[in-house]
Protein backbone atom coordinates (compact mmCIF):
# COMPACT_ATOMS: atom_id res chain seq x y z
CA UNK A 1 0.03 -0.25 -0.15
CA UNK A 2 2.72 2.39 0.85
CA UNK A 3 4.38 1.89 -2.36
CA UNK A 4 1.05 2.86 -4.45
CA UNK A 5 0.65 5.85 -2.38
CA UNK A 6 4.39 7.00 -3.29
CA UNK A 7 3.81 6.28 -6.61
CA UNK A 8 0.07 8.26 -6.83
CA UNK A 9 1.93 11.10 -5.50
CA UNK A 10 4.69 11.24 -7.87
CA UNK A 11 2.04 10.58 -10.27
CA UNK A 12 0.15 13.56 -9.56
CA UNK A 13 3.39 15.67 -9.29
CA UNK A 14 4.26 14.73 -12.63
CA UNK A 15 0.59 15.75 -14.00
CA UNK A 16 0.59 19.04 -12.07
CA UNK A 17 3.89 19.60 -13.79
CA UNK A 18 2.67 18.58 -17.25
CA UNK A 19 -0.91 20.41 -16.79
CA UNK A 20 0.56 23.51 -15.42
CA UNK A 21 3.38 23.77 -18.19
CA UNK A 22 0.96 23.08 -21.00
CA UNK A 23 -1.91 25.43 -19.89
CA UNK A 24 0.00 27.92 -18.38
CA UNK A 25 2.03 28.29 -21.35
CA UNK A 26 -0.96 28.45 -23.64
CA UNK A 27 -2.82 30.80 -21.36
CA UNK A 28 -0.14 33.36 -21.16
CA UNK A 29 0.90 33.23 -24.72
CA UNK A 30 -2.61 34.34 -25.36
CA UNK A 31 -2.99 36.78 -22.52
CA UNK A 32 0.36 37.75 -21.15
CA UNK A 33 -1.39 36.32 -17.94
CA UNK A 34 -0.12 33.07 -15.80
CA UNK A 35 -2.35 30.58 -14.38
CA UNK A 36 -2.86 30.79 -10.61
CA UNK A 37 -2.90 27.86 -8.25
CA UNK A 38 -6.78 27.05 -7.67
CA UNK A 39 -7.01 27.18 -11.77
CA UNK A 40 -4.34 24.70 -12.31
CA UNK A 41 -5.66 22.49 -9.45
CA UNK A 42 -9.49 22.36 -11.04
CA UNK A 43 -7.80 21.32 -14.44
CA UNK A 44 -5.87 18.72 -12.91
CA UNK A 45 -8.71 17.59 -10.98
CA UNK A 46 -11.30 18.01 -14.14
CA UNK A 47 -8.89 15.73 -16.58
CA UNK A 48 -8.19 12.95 -14.10
CA UNK A 49 -12.22 12.55 -13.06
CA UNK A 50 -12.79 12.83 -17.14
CA UNK A 51 -10.10 10.53 -17.63
CA UNK A 52 -9.58 7.98 -14.72
CA UNK A 53 -8.26 4.87 -16.86
CA UNK A 54 -5.15 6.70 -17.17
CA UNK A 55 -4.47 6.30 -13.43
CA UNK A 56 -3.37 2.48 -13.22
CA UNK A 57 -1.42 2.82 -16.75
CA UNK A 58 0.34 5.94 -15.74
CA UNK A 59 1.00 4.09 -12.53
CA UNK A 60 2.84 1.21 -13.95
CA UNK A 61 5.12 3.41 -16.41
CA UNK A 62 6.01 5.22 -13.63
CA UNK A 63 7.03 2.19 -11.54
CA UNK A 64 8.56 0.37 -14.31
CA UNK A 65 10.92 3.19 -14.62
CA UNK A 66 11.33 3.46 -10.84
CA UNK A 67 12.13 -0.33 -11.20
CA UNK A 68 14.69 0.17 -14.05
CA UNK A 69 16.73 3.10 -11.97
CA UNK A 70 16.75 1.18 -8.98
CA UNK A 71 17.88 -1.95 -11.16
CA UNK A 72 20.45 0.12 -12.63
CA UNK A 73 21.66 1.43 -9.17
CA UNK A 74 22.08 -1.87 -7.78
CA UNK A 75 23.54 -4.12 -10.80
CA UNK A 76 26.91 -4.66 -8.91
CA UNK A 77 25.51 -6.03 -5.96
CA UNK A 78 22.78 -7.86 -8.03
CA UNK A 79 24.53 -9.86 -10.35
CA UNK A 80 28.41 -9.47 -9.34
CA UNK A 81 28.64 -9.47 -5.57
CA UNK A 82 31.24 -12.00 -5.28
CA UNK A 83 29.30 -14.47 -2.49
CA UNK A 84 25.68 -14.99 -3.69
CA UNK A 85 25.51 -18.83 -4.80
CA UNK A 86 24.80 -18.89 -8.82
CA UNK A 87 23.09 -22.11 -10.45
CA UNK A 88 22.31 -22.81 -14.24
CA UNK A 89 24.11 -21.50 -16.81
CA UNK A 90 26.39 -18.33 -15.86
CA UNK A 91 26.40 -17.05 -19.40
CA UNK A 92 22.53 -17.53 -19.27
CA UNK A 93 20.33 -14.41 -21.41
CA UNK A 94 17.91 -14.45 -18.41
CA UNK A 95 18.59 -13.73 -14.61
CA UNK A 96 16.64 -14.83 -11.88
CA UNK A 97 17.49 -13.36 -8.33
CA UNK A 98 15.88 -14.84 -5.81
CA UNK A 99 15.43 -13.65 -2.07
CA UNK A 100 14.13 -16.13 0.58
CA UNK A 101 13.98 -16.50 4.69
CA UNK A 102 14.23 -20.54 5.57
CA UNK A 103 11.15 -19.94 7.65
CA UNK A 104 9.28 -18.71 5.14
CA UNK A 105 6.26 -20.93 3.99
CA UNK A 106 6.29 -19.56 0.02
CA UNK A 107 9.73 -20.04 -0.10
CA UNK A 108 9.78 -23.49 0.25
CA UNK A 109 7.82 -24.02 -2.85
CA UNK A 110 10.28 -22.40 -4.74
CA UNK A 111 13.07 -24.60 -5.40
CA UNK A 112 11.11 -27.42 -6.96
CA UNK A 113 10.31 -24.76 -9.70
CA UNK A 114 13.62 -23.52 -9.93
CA UNK A 115 14.91 -26.56 -10.71
CA UNK A 116 12.19 -27.43 -13.11
CA UNK A 117 12.86 -24.52 -14.70
CA UNK A 118 16.54 -24.95 -15.49
CA UNK A 119 15.96 -28.45 -16.30
CA UNK A 120 13.80 -27.40 -19.26
CA UNK A 121 15.73 -23.95 -19.81
CA UNK A 122 19.15 -24.01 -20.49
CA UNK A 123 19.98 -20.05 -20.65
CA UNK A 124 19.17 -19.21 -17.58
CA UNK A 125 21.27 -18.39 -14.35
CA UNK A 126 19.70 -18.10 -11.03
CA UNK A 127 21.15 -16.34 -8.23
CA UNK A 128 20.53 -16.75 -4.55
CA UNK A 129 20.13 -14.09 -1.79
CA UNK A 130 19.58 -14.62 1.49
CA UNK A 131 17.11 -12.47 3.24
CA UNK A 132 16.57 -13.78 6.62
CA UNK A 133 14.08 -11.18 7.93
CA UNK A 134 11.15 -13.62 9.89
CA UNK A 135 13.16 -14.90 12.63
CA UNK A 136 16.42 -15.23 14.71
CA UNK A 137 16.87 -18.73 13.31
CA UNK A 138 16.61 -17.44 9.86
CA UNK A 139 19.38 -15.43 10.29
CA UNK A 140 21.48 -18.47 11.52
CA UNK A 141 20.33 -20.51 8.90
CA UNK A 142 21.54 -18.23 6.42
CA UNK A 143 25.09 -17.56 7.68
CA UNK A 144 25.20 -21.48 7.82
CA UNK A 145 24.03 -21.60 4.13
CA UNK A 146 26.39 -18.97 3.14
CA UNK A 147 29.38 -20.65 5.18
CA UNK A 148 28.47 -24.26 3.19
CA UNK A 149 29.36 -22.68 0.30
CA UNK A 150 33.25 -23.65 1.35
CA UNK A 151 32.24 -27.06 1.83
CA UNK A 152 30.91 -26.92 -1.77
CA UNK A 153 27.41 -27.97 -0.04
CA UNK A 154 25.29 -24.85 -0.98
CA UNK A 155 22.58 -26.65 -2.86
CA UNK A 156 22.02 -29.78 -0.99
CA UNK A 157 21.87 -27.57 2.29
CA UNK A 158 19.63 -25.18 0.77
CA UNK A 159 17.37 -27.60 -0.43
CA UNK A 160 17.55 -29.74 2.49
CA UNK A 161 16.54 -26.53 4.43
CA UNK A 162 13.86 -25.47 2.33
CA UNK A 163 12.26 -29.38 2.20
CA UNK A 164 11.96 -28.84 6.42
CA UNK A 165 9.13 -28.48 7.53
CA UNK A 166 9.90 -28.64 11.53
CA UNK A 167 10.30 -25.51 13.64
CA UNK A 168 13.90 -24.40 12.89
CA UNK A 169 16.62 -24.32 15.88
CA UNK A 170 20.36 -23.33 15.95
CA UNK A 171 20.24 -27.83 16.95
CA UNK A 172 17.95 -28.37 14.03
CA UNK A 173 19.77 -26.70 11.23
CA UNK A 174 23.26 -28.03 12.46
CA UNK A 175 21.30 -31.58 12.12
CA UNK A 176 20.23 -30.82 8.81
CA UNK A 177 23.97 -29.65 7.46
CA UNK A 178 25.38 -32.86 8.93
CA UNK A 179 22.40 -34.61 7.22
CA UNK A 180 23.69 -32.96 4.08
CA UNK A 181 27.17 -33.95 4.24
CA UNK A 182 28.83 -30.98 5.47
CA UNK A 183 31.72 -31.13 8.63
CA UNK A 184 29.95 -29.41 10.91
CA UNK A 185 32.95 -28.69 12.82
CA UNK A 186 34.41 -26.71 9.72
CA UNK A 187 30.99 -24.70 8.95
CA UNK A 188 30.82 -23.39 12.47
CA UNK A 189 34.63 -21.89 11.91
CA UNK A 190 33.60 -20.61 8.55
CA UNK A 191 30.10 -19.17 10.31
CA UNK A 192 32.62 -17.18 12.30
CA UNK A 193 33.44 -15.02 9.44
CA UNK A 194 32.27 -11.73 9.75
CA UNK A 195 32.35 -11.18 5.95
CA UNK A 196 29.24 -13.59 5.86
CA UNK A 197 26.99 -11.32 8.07
CA UNK A 198 28.24 -8.18 6.05
CA UNK A 199 27.33 -10.03 3.11
CA UNK A 200 23.78 -10.44 4.24
CA UNK A 201 23.49 -6.72 5.45
CA UNK A 202 24.17 -5.98 1.74
CA UNK A 203 21.29 -7.80 0.72
CA UNK A 204 18.98 -6.10 3.40
CA UNK A 205 20.34 -2.52 2.07
CA UNK A 206 19.38 -3.92 -1.64
CA UNK A 207 16.06 -5.14 -0.77
CA UNK A 208 15.31 -1.82 0.40
CA UNK A 209 16.53 0.37 -2.74
CA UNK A 210 14.40 -2.40 -4.87
CA UNK A 211 11.15 -1.96 -3.08
CA UNK A 212 11.16 -5.64 -1.82
CA UNK A 213 9.67 -6.13 1.70
CA UNK A 214 9.10 -9.70 2.00
CA UNK A 215 9.99 -13.19 1.02
CA UNK A 216 9.96 -14.95 -1.62
CA UNK A 217 11.19 -11.79 -3.83
CA UNK A 218 12.37 -11.83 -7.56
CA UNK A 219 14.38 -9.86 -10.13
CA UNK A 220 13.88 -11.58 -13.30
CA UNK A 221 15.48 -9.21 -16.16
CA UNK A 222 13.63 -6.10 -15.63
CA UNK A 223 11.19 -6.90 -13.52
CA UNK A 224 10.77 -6.70 -9.36
CA UNK A 225 8.13 -9.08 -8.43
CA UNK A 226 7.40 -9.51 -4.82
CA UNK A 227 5.55 -12.97 -3.59
CA UNK A 228 5.23 -16.34 -4.72
CA UNK A 229 5.35 -17.15 -8.63
CA UNK A 230 3.54 -19.98 -9.99
CA UNK A 231 5.55 -22.38 -12.55
CA UNK A 232 3.74 -21.26 -15.72
CA UNK A 233 3.90 -17.73 -14.50
CA UNK A 234 7.68 -17.94 -13.98
CA UNK A 235 7.79 -19.28 -17.60
CA UNK A 236 5.83 -16.62 -19.06
CA UNK A 237 7.77 -13.57 -17.46
CA UNK A 238 10.60 -15.71 -18.87
CA UNK A 239 9.58 -15.64 -22.26
CA UNK A 240 8.65 -11.81 -21.67
CA UNK A 241 11.83 -10.96 -20.85
CA UNK A 242 13.27 -12.38 -23.93
CA UNK A 243 11.02 -10.71 -26.28
CA UNK A 244 12.39 -7.39 -24.39
CA UNK A 245 15.66 -8.10 -24.83
CA UNK A 246 14.77 -8.62 -28.66
CA UNK A 247 13.30 -5.31 -29.57
């Protein structure tokens, strides 16, 4: 809701500026006088009431521009941070970035869909971004998952955590790690690396800039998408982005 209010305010500001410039110019050209604030506000109100259908379309255009600017500003952290795990084709023409929390129920539906998509489409790159925001155990699980990369066990551990339906605790997380073939002693040592926590903080900063407030969240090509995406819709979005690239 907050994002929509901001978009509407920004939109009305743009409309106001446009109407004031056009009508003010025309009026002053004819009479040498400028329109006052009340006249401009009345014109804006009348125009919007007469053409209310422009609001949703204009908001979408505005949001797309905002997304494009945010993605451009965040490009390095999104795609080349040096710590996020990458699956699929590293040179794929479409990149899917997923933000997730290991305590998020909807996030647990994503791994199967992504695995199926990568199996069907060999030209996709997937970047995994830890976003532990739901519980203290989420933070511990994310740190453990990032540390598991050093043993080459990220995907095994990630999928096992997502398949888990029990309430996460530190003990359970370490149990899942052991069951995933991870050396627990080495894992605990690697988890103490302060760089891991710093990288998680970078992810939290990143989503603020992108306007993602929950999990799961996705960046697919030029689209910022909050919430779970069913498999068929996921495929459609990939196809849309490929079509956009060809235009």
